Amino acid sequence: MDSFGGGLAAHGEVCGAVIGGLAVIGLNFGRPKSGSGADMRMWKYSSIFMKRFKEEVTDGKLLCRDIAEVNWRDRDQVTKYHEGEKFRSCQVLAGKTARIIGELLER
């Protein structure tokens, strides 16, 4: 799952916490086998998760480069990210995301 970091393999794309959260929802409520229908809670919880993530965690942002404000292809920026407060902010973001997912799974 480390490759989700930095916005999908350090490309600054969708935040890895979003991808991970949706993966958890899909694993819990997706199709149990090929050809079967998906549990409709998957769509409901995915929608709720996305809304809450943007509202409660990132002020509407989904892209890692916008959230972390890092160009993952710039070695100096990445070094500063790991040495500074931005790294800690992403740890907090991951915790908030896990809390939202946990609340959804407990329903």
C-alpha atoms as a PDB file:
ATOM      1  CA  MET A   1       0.000   0.000   0.000  1.00  0.00           C
ATOM      2  CA  ASP A   2       3.022   2.296   0.255  1.00  0.00           C
ATOM      3  CA  SER A   3       2.737   2.987  -3.454  1.00  0.00           C
ATOM      4  CA  PHE A   4      -0.447   4.973  -2.723  1.00  0.00           C
ATOM      5  CA  GLY A   5       1.770   7.591  -1.035  1.00  0.00           C
ATOM      6  CA  GLY A   6       2.595  10.876  -2.675  1.00  0.00           C
ATOM      7  CA  GLY A   7      -0.598  10.781  -4.679  1.00  0.00           C
ATOM      8  CA  LEU A   8      -0.166   7.367  -6.289  1.00  0.00           C
ATOM      9  CA  ALA A   9       3.502   6.512  -6.594  1.00  0.00           C
ATOM     10  CA  ALA A  10       4.661  10.095  -5.988  1.00  0.00           C
ATOM     11  CA  HIS A  11       2.730  11.576  -8.919  1.00  0.00           C
ATOM     12  CA  GLY A  12       0.714  14.058  -6.850  1.00  0.00           C
ATOM     13  CA  GLU A  13      -2.582  12.605  -8.021  1.00  0.00           C
ATOM     14  CA  VAL A  14      -5.514  11.487  -5.828  1.00  0.00           C
ATOM     15  CA  CYS A  15      -4.537  11.264  -2.157  1.00  0.00           C
ATOM     16  CA  GLY A  16      -3.536   7.731  -1.205  1.00  0.00           C
ATOM     17  CA  ALA A  17      -5.794   7.910   1.856  1.00  0.00           C
ATOM     18  CA  VAL A  18      -8.789   8.365  -0.459  1.00  0.00           C
ATOM     19  CA  ILE A  19      -7.778   5.384  -2.583  1.00  0.00           C
ATOM     20  CA  GLY A  20      -7.165   3.291   0.528  1.00  0.00           C
ATOM     21  CA  GLY A  21     -10.483   4.308   2.058  1.00  0.00           C
ATOM     22  CA  LEU A  22     -12.405   3.426  -1.082  1.00  0.00           C
ATOM     23  CA  ALA A  23     -10.528   0.119  -1.287  1.00  0.00           C
ATOM     24  CA  VAL A  24     -11.638  -0.772   2.249  1.00  0.00           C
ATOM     25  CA  ILE A  25     -15.247   0.058   1.422  1.00  0.00           C
ATOM     26  CA  GLY A  26     -15.037  -1.963  -1.791  1.00  0.00           C
ATOM     27  CA  LEU A  27     -13.527  -4.963  -0.033  1.00  0.00           C
ATOM     28  CA  ASN A  28     -16.271  -4.920   2.580  1.00  0.00           C
ATOM     29  CA  PHE A  29     -19.284  -4.159   0.411  1.00  0.00           C
ATOM     30  CA  GLY A  30     -18.283  -4.921  -3.171  1.00  0.00           C
ATOM     31  CA  ARG A  31     -19.251  -7.899  -5.256  1.00  0.00           C
ATOM     32  CA  PRO A  32     -18.640 -11.132  -3.351  1.00  0.00           C
ATOM     33  CA  LYS A  33     -17.985 -13.002  -6.603  1.00  0.00           C
ATOM     34  CA  SER A  34     -17.937 -12.373 -10.324  1.00  0.00           C
ATOM     35  CA  GLY A  35     -21.389 -12.015 -11.793  1.00  0.00           C
ATOM     36  CA  SER A  36     -23.086 -11.113  -8.534  1.00  0.00           C
ATOM     37  CA  GLY A  37     -24.477  -7.715  -7.671  1.00  0.00           C
ATOM     38  CA  ALA A  38     -22.682  -5.260  -5.429  1.00  0.00           C
ATOM     39  CA  ASP A  39     -24.100  -4.418  -2.030  1.00  0.00           C
ATOM     40  CA  MET A  40     -25.696  -1.000  -2.507  1.00  0.00           C
ATOM     41  CA  ARG A  41     -24.047   0.131   0.731  1.00  0.00           C
ATOM     42  CA  MET A  42     -20.788   0.253  -1.220  1.00  0.00           C
ATOM     43  CA  TRP A  43     -22.074   3.156  -3.311  1.00  0.00           C
ATOM     44  CA  LYS A  44     -23.764   4.844  -0.379  1.00  0.00           C
ATOM     45  CA  TYR A  45     -20.733   4.597   1.912  1.00  0.00           C
ATOM     46  CA  SER A  46     -18.338   5.593  -0.878  1.00  0.00           C
ATOM     47  CA  SER A  47     -20.363   8.729  -1.489  1.00  0.00           C
ATOM     48  CA  ILE A  48     -20.545   9.535   2.219  1.00  0.00           C
ATOM     49  CA  PHE A  49     -16.817   8.918   2.583  1.00  0.00           C
ATOM     50  CA  MET A  50     -15.896  11.201  -0.300  1.00  0.00           C
ATOM     51  CA  LYS A  51     -18.137  13.978   0.995  1.00  0.00           C
ATOM     52  CA  ARG A  52     -16.821  13.708   4.549  1.00  0.00           C
ATOM     53  CA  PHE A  53     -13.188  13.482   3.421  1.00  0.00           C
ATOM     54  CA  LYS A  54     -13.490  16.710   1.452  1.00  0.00           C
ATOM     55  CA  GLU A  55     -15.459  18.498   4.161  1.00  0.00           C
ATOM     56  CA  GLU A  56     -13.758  17.246   7.319  1.00  0.00           C
ATOM     57  CA  VAL A  57     -10.216  16.486   6.243  1.00  0.00           C
ATOM     58  CA  THR A  58      -9.030  18.574   3.287  1.00  0.00           C
ATOM     59  CA  ASP A  59     -11.281  21.565   2.653  1.00  0.00           C
ATOM     60  CA  GLY A  60     -12.474  20.130  -0.665  1.00  0.00           C
ATOM     61  CA  LYS A  61      -9.136  18.921  -2.008  1.00  0.00           C
ATOM     62  CA  LEU A  62      -8.536  15.436  -3.420  1.00  0.00           C
ATOM     63  CA  LEU A  63      -5.151  15.718  -5.133  1.00  0.00           C
ATOM     64  CA  CYS A  64      -2.072  15.031  -3.056  1.00  0.00           C
ATOM     65  CA  ARG A  65      -0.114  17.855  -4.693  1.00  0.00           C
ATOM     66  CA  ASP A  66      -2.817  20.304  -3.548  1.00  0.00           C
ATOM     67  CA  ILE A  67      -3.160  18.833  -0.068  1.00  0.00           C
ATOM     68  CA  ALA A  68       0.550  18.422   0.746  1.00  0.00           C
ATOM     69  CA  GLU A  69       1.673  21.291  -1.491  1.00  0.00           C
ATOM     70  CA  VAL A  70       4.618  19.245  -2.710  1.00  0.00           C
ATOM     71  CA  ASN A  71       5.998  18.568  -6.165  1.00  0.00           C
ATOM     72  CA  TRP A  72       6.887  14.914  -5.661  1.00  0.00           C
ATOM     73  CA  ARG A  73       9.324  15.024  -8.587  1.00  0.00           C
ATOM     74  CA  ASP A  74      11.416  17.743  -6.915  1.00  0.00           C
ATOM     75  CA  ARG A  75      13.889  16.045  -4.575  1.00  0.00           C
ATOM     76  CA  ASP A  76      14.433  19.210  -2.491  1.00  0.00           C
ATOM     77  CA  GLN A  77      10.698  19.677  -1.921  1.00  0.00           C
ATOM     78  CA  VAL A  78      10.318  16.035  -0.923  1.00  0.00           C
ATOM     79  CA  THR A  79      13.199  16.333   1.553  1.00  0.00           C
ATOM     80  CA  LYS A  80      11.653  19.467   3.084  1.00  0.00           C
ATOM     81  CA  TYR A  81       8.294  17.711   3.255  1.00  0.00           C
ATOM     82  CA  HIS A  82       9.740  14.827   5.265  1.00  0.00           C
ATOM     83  CA  GLU A  83      11.621  17.170   7.594  1.00  0.00           C
ATOM     84  CA  GLY A  84       8.764  19.595   8.188  1.00  0.00           C
ATOM     85  CA  GLU A  85       5.238  19.889   9.470  1.00  0.00           C
ATOM     86  CA  LYS A  86       3.654  18.794   6.194  1.00  0.00           C
ATOM     87  CA  PHE A  87       4.662  15.194   6.872  1.00  0.00           C
ATOM     88  CA  ARG A  88       2.937  15.332  10.257  1.00  0.00           C
ATOM     89  CA  SER A  89      -0.144  16.864   8.623  1.00  0.00           C
ATOM     90  CA  CYS A  90      -0.401  13.870   6.314  1.00  0.00           C
ATOM     91  CA  GLN A  91      -0.171  11.520   9.288  1.00  0.00           C
ATOM     92  CA  VAL A  92      -3.076  13.370  10.896  1.00  0.00           C
ATOM     93  CA  LEU A  93      -4.968  13.201   7.583  1.00  0.00           C
ATOM     94  CA  ALA A  94      -4.508   9.422   7.501  1.00  0.00           C
ATOM     95  CA  GLY A  95      -5.829   9.138  11.044  1.00  0.00           C
ATOM     96  CA  LYS A  96      -8.911  11.247  10.271  1.00  0.00           C
ATOM     97  CA  THR A  97      -9.533   9.152   7.174  1.00  0.00           C
ATOM     98  CA  ALA A  98      -9.286   5.930   9.188  1.00  0.00           C
ATOM     99  CA  ARG A  99     -11.773   7.320  11.718  1.00  0.00           C
ATOM    100  CA  ILE A 100     -14.304   8.096   8.976  1.00  0.00           C
ATOM    101  CA  ILE A 101     -13.890   4.622   7.462  1.00  0.00           C
ATOM    102  CA  GLY A 102     -14.233   3.012  10.883  1.00  0.00           C
ATOM    103  CA  GLU A 103     -17.452   4.888  11.542  1.00  0.00           C
ATOM    104  CA  LEU A 104     -18.868   3.757   8.198  1.00  0.00           C
ATOM    105  CA  LEU A 105     -17.924   0.131   8.797  1.00  0.00           C
ATOM    106  CA  GLU A 106     -19.599   0.169  12.208  1.00  0.00           C
ATOM    107  CA  ARG A 107     -23.001   1.102  10.716  1.00  0.00           C
END
